[in-house]
Amino acid sequence: MSDGGREPTSQELAASLAVNAAGKPLNLAVGVVAFVVALVAGAPGVVALLVGVVLYTLAVARTMFDAGEAERVAAKHHRAPPPPPPES
């Protein structure tokens, strides 16, 4: 989140979008399922891992370039700061 009333930089938003995309359960499932399917299909462990990593990376990239997802992440950063306490 941004500090105080400061607008987040494009680098901060990009980092938040990357972390958000990397942690999406569907993206994680894509990588794990691809890895398991490659193992079951008889691929060596290293090849199966490579397949899982490549498909996971593609799923993360798809999420990062989704306009709706980018808007949701940006909206979290652009929340208005709480109003100051009333003066007495």
C-alpha atoms as a PDB file:
ATOM      1  CA  MET A   1       0.000   0.000   0.000  1.00  0.00           C
ATOM      2  CA  SER A   2       1.087   3.537  -0.449  1.00  0.00           C
ATOM      3  CA  ASP A   3       2.319   5.641   2.454  1.00  0.00           C
ATOM      4  CA  GLY A   4      -0.057   8.310   3.724  1.00  0.00           C
ATOM      5  CA  GLY A   5      -1.665  10.300   0.952  1.00  0.00           C
ATOM      6  CA  ARG A   6       1.132   9.646  -1.557  1.00  0.00           C
ATOM      7  CA  GLU A   7       0.157   8.130  -4.880  1.00  0.00           C
ATOM      8  CA  PRO A   8       1.866   4.788  -5.556  1.00  0.00           C
ATOM      9  CA  THR A   9       4.528   4.747  -8.249  1.00  0.00           C
ATOM     10  CA  SER A  10       4.180   2.636 -11.369  1.00  0.00           C
ATOM     11  CA  GLN A  11       6.916   0.364  -9.999  1.00  0.00           C
ATOM     12  CA  GLU A  12       4.956  -0.188  -6.785  1.00  0.00           C
ATOM     13  CA  LEU A  13       1.819  -0.989  -8.758  1.00  0.00           C
ATOM     14  CA  ALA A  14       3.731  -3.365 -11.049  1.00  0.00           C
ATOM     15  CA  ALA A  15       5.226  -5.161  -8.048  1.00  0.00           C
ATOM     16  CA  SER A  16       1.806  -5.477  -6.414  1.00  0.00           C
ATOM     17  CA  LEU A  17       0.345  -6.820  -9.640  1.00  0.00           C
ATOM     18  CA  ALA A  18       3.149  -9.388  -9.952  1.00  0.00           C
ATOM     19  CA  VAL A  19       2.741 -10.577  -6.347  1.00  0.00           C
ATOM     20  CA  ASN A  20      -1.027 -10.748  -6.796  1.00  0.00           C
ATOM     21  CA  ALA A  21      -0.710 -12.777 -10.007  1.00  0.00           C
ATOM     22  CA  ALA A  22       1.940 -15.110  -8.586  1.00  0.00           C
ATOM     23  CA  GLY A  23      -0.249 -16.016  -5.622  1.00  0.00           C
ATOM     24  CA  LYS A  24      -3.507 -16.682  -7.466  1.00  0.00           C
ATOM     25  CA  PRO A  25      -4.669 -20.223  -6.645  1.00  0.00           C
ATOM     26  CA  LEU A  26      -5.612 -20.965 -10.257  1.00  0.00           C
ATOM     27  CA  ASN A  27      -2.141 -20.029 -11.486  1.00  0.00           C
ATOM     28  CA  LEU A  28      -0.524 -22.227  -8.842  1.00  0.00           C
ATOM     29  CA  ALA A  29      -2.867 -25.096  -9.750  1.00  0.00           C
ATOM     30  CA  VAL A  30      -1.965 -24.793 -13.438  1.00  0.00           C
ATOM     31  CA  GLY A  31       1.722 -25.253 -12.648  1.00  0.00           C
ATOM     32  CA  VAL A  32       1.190 -28.146 -10.248  1.00  0.00           C
ATOM     33  CA  VAL A  33      -1.261 -29.973 -12.517  1.00  0.00           C
ATOM     34  CA  ALA A  34       1.049 -29.553 -15.527  1.00  0.00           C
ATOM     35  CA  PHE A  35       3.935 -30.957 -13.488  1.00  0.00           C
ATOM     36  CA  VAL A  36       1.923 -33.983 -12.341  1.00  0.00           C
ATOM     37  CA  VAL A  37       0.498 -34.665 -15.813  1.00  0.00           C
ATOM     38  CA  ALA A  38       3.985 -34.531 -17.319  1.00  0.00           C
ATOM     39  CA  LEU A  39       5.239 -36.998 -14.687  1.00  0.00           C
ATOM     40  CA  VAL A  40       2.309 -39.342 -15.281  1.00  0.00           C
ATOM     41  CA  ALA A  41       2.931 -39.123 -19.026  1.00  0.00           C
ATOM     42  CA  GLY A  42       6.433 -40.476 -18.390  1.00  0.00           C
ATOM     43  CA  ALA A  43       8.539 -37.333 -18.698  1.00  0.00           C
ATOM     44  CA  PRO A  44      11.725 -37.185 -16.632  1.00  0.00           C
ATOM     45  CA  GLY A  45      11.427 -35.139 -13.453  1.00  0.00           C
ATOM     46  CA  VAL A  46      13.440 -32.209 -14.786  1.00  0.00           C
ATOM     47  CA  VAL A  47      11.336 -31.991 -17.940  1.00  0.00           C
ATOM     48  CA  ALA A  48       8.122 -32.256 -15.914  1.00  0.00           C
ATOM     49  CA  LEU A  49       9.339 -29.462 -13.650  1.00  0.00           C
ATOM     50  CA  LEU A  50      10.216 -27.328 -16.669  1.00  0.00           C
ATOM     51  CA  VAL A  51       6.746 -27.887 -18.151  1.00  0.00           C
ATOM     52  CA  GLY A  52       5.128 -26.907 -14.848  1.00  0.00           C
ATOM     53  CA  VAL A  53       7.264 -23.784 -14.471  1.00  0.00           C
ATOM     54  CA  VAL A  54       6.652 -22.649 -18.053  1.00  0.00           C
ATOM     55  CA  LEU A  55       2.881 -23.090 -17.811  1.00  0.00           C
ATOM     56  CA  TYR A  56       2.821 -21.408 -14.391  1.00  0.00           C
ATOM     57  CA  THR A  57       4.759 -18.463 -15.838  1.00  0.00           C
ATOM     58  CA  LEU A  58       2.314 -18.197 -18.726  1.00  0.00           C
ATOM     59  CA  ALA A  59      -0.644 -18.258 -16.323  1.00  0.00           C
ATOM     60  CA  VAL A  60       0.946 -15.519 -14.193  1.00  0.00           C
ATOM     61  CA  ALA A  61       1.632 -13.417 -17.301  1.00  0.00           C
ATOM     62  CA  ARG A  62      -1.977 -13.846 -18.416  1.00  0.00           C
ATOM     63  CA  THR A  63      -3.172 -12.608 -15.039  1.00  0.00           C
ATOM     64  CA  MET A  64      -0.745  -9.681 -14.997  1.00  0.00           C
ATOM     65  CA  PHE A  65      -1.961  -8.434 -18.382  1.00  0.00           C
ATOM     66  CA  ASP A  66      -5.647  -8.791 -17.473  1.00  0.00           C
ATOM     67  CA  ALA A  67      -7.070  -5.255 -17.393  1.00  0.00           C
ATOM     68  CA  GLY A  68      -9.708  -6.114 -14.787  1.00  0.00           C
ATOM     69  CA  GLU A  69      -7.119  -7.583 -12.441  1.00  0.00           C
ATOM     70  CA  ALA A  70      -4.886  -4.540 -12.897  1.00  0.00           C
ATOM     71  CA  GLU A  71      -7.793  -2.253 -12.006  1.00  0.00           C
ATOM     72  CA  ARG A  72      -8.541  -4.253  -8.838  1.00  0.00           C
ATOM     73  CA  VAL A  73      -4.908  -4.086  -7.696  1.00  0.00           C
ATOM     74  CA  ALA A  74      -4.692  -0.368  -8.492  1.00  0.00           C
ATOM     75  CA  ALA A  75      -7.937   0.270  -6.608  1.00  0.00           C
ATOM     76  CA  LYS A  76      -6.388  -1.222  -3.453  1.00  0.00           C
ATOM     77  CA  HIS A  77      -3.553   1.298  -3.722  1.00  0.00           C
ATOM     78  CA  HIS A  78      -5.767   4.267  -4.448  1.00  0.00           C
ATOM     79  CA  ARG A  79      -8.024   3.963  -1.420  1.00  0.00           C
ATOM     80  CA  ALA A  80      -8.468   7.298   0.232  1.00  0.00           C
ATOM     81  CA  PRO A  81      -6.625   7.696   3.518  1.00  0.00           C
ATOM     82  CA  PRO A  82      -8.836   7.836   6.595  1.00  0.00           C
ATOM     83  CA  PRO A  83     -10.090  11.314   7.429  1.00  0.00           C
ATOM     84  CA  PRO A  84      -8.267  13.162  10.214  1.00  0.00           C
ATOM     85  CA  PRO A  85      -9.865  13.035  13.656  1.00  0.00           C
ATOM     86  CA  PRO A  86     -12.220  15.926  14.399  1.00  0.00           C
ATOM     87  CA  GLU A  87     -10.749  18.823  16.290  1.00  0.00           C
ATOM     88  CA  SER A  88     -12.181  19.456  19.737  1.00  0.00           C
END
